[in-house]
Amino acid sequence: MIDDYEGPKEDKDLVKISKDLKALGNDSFKAGDYSKAMAKYTKAIRYLNEKPVFDDGDAEELIQDFYSVKIPCYLNRGFSALKLDRPQTTIKDMSSVLDMDLKYVTAADKTKAYFRRGSAYLKTATLDLELAKQDLEQAKKLNPKDPGVLRELENVNAKLLAKRNKEKKAYAKMFA
């Protein structure tokens, strides 16, 4: 796709370098080296951010190629962060994906972003069950049969129920 692009060489190079870094990140992720994977995805994103906005003259293929690398890098970096128990990074990266131009974000990308962000909310120090539930409900709307989403949503609902029951008992003691 990008090989047909006739725009400035630098933009084309940014995409190529970023694709190579993403591939290295994927290799590290598969090997279980999540820190190294995060570093490669971060570097790829940094290269892509060298072109923060697109000009009117930029070819649609170039824009698509940027997003086709940038979105998976954010998704994968966030997933690596989740594996490393860094939920705030995951929340930030998944929010970045969900804030991107929806023209370039697929339903599968959105499902992953909502699922991973919801899972990250469950790992935060404040254990934000309501936000986790909202995100997991969104993921379920996008992919109603995903077993991971359904399992995590069931987990959140169980925790919410336990929390409400605990609060009921506490209030019952206060007013008894």
Foldseek 3Di string as FASTA:
>chain_A
DLVPFPDDPLLSVLLVQLVVLQVVLVVCVVVVNLVSSLVSLVVSLVSLCVCVDDDPPGDPVSVLSSLVRNLVSLLSNLVSCVVVLNLVSNLVSLVVNVPPDVVNQDLVSLLSSLQSNLSSCCSDPVRPLVSSLVSLVSSCVSPVPPPSSVVVNVVSVVVVVVVVVVVVVVVVVVVD
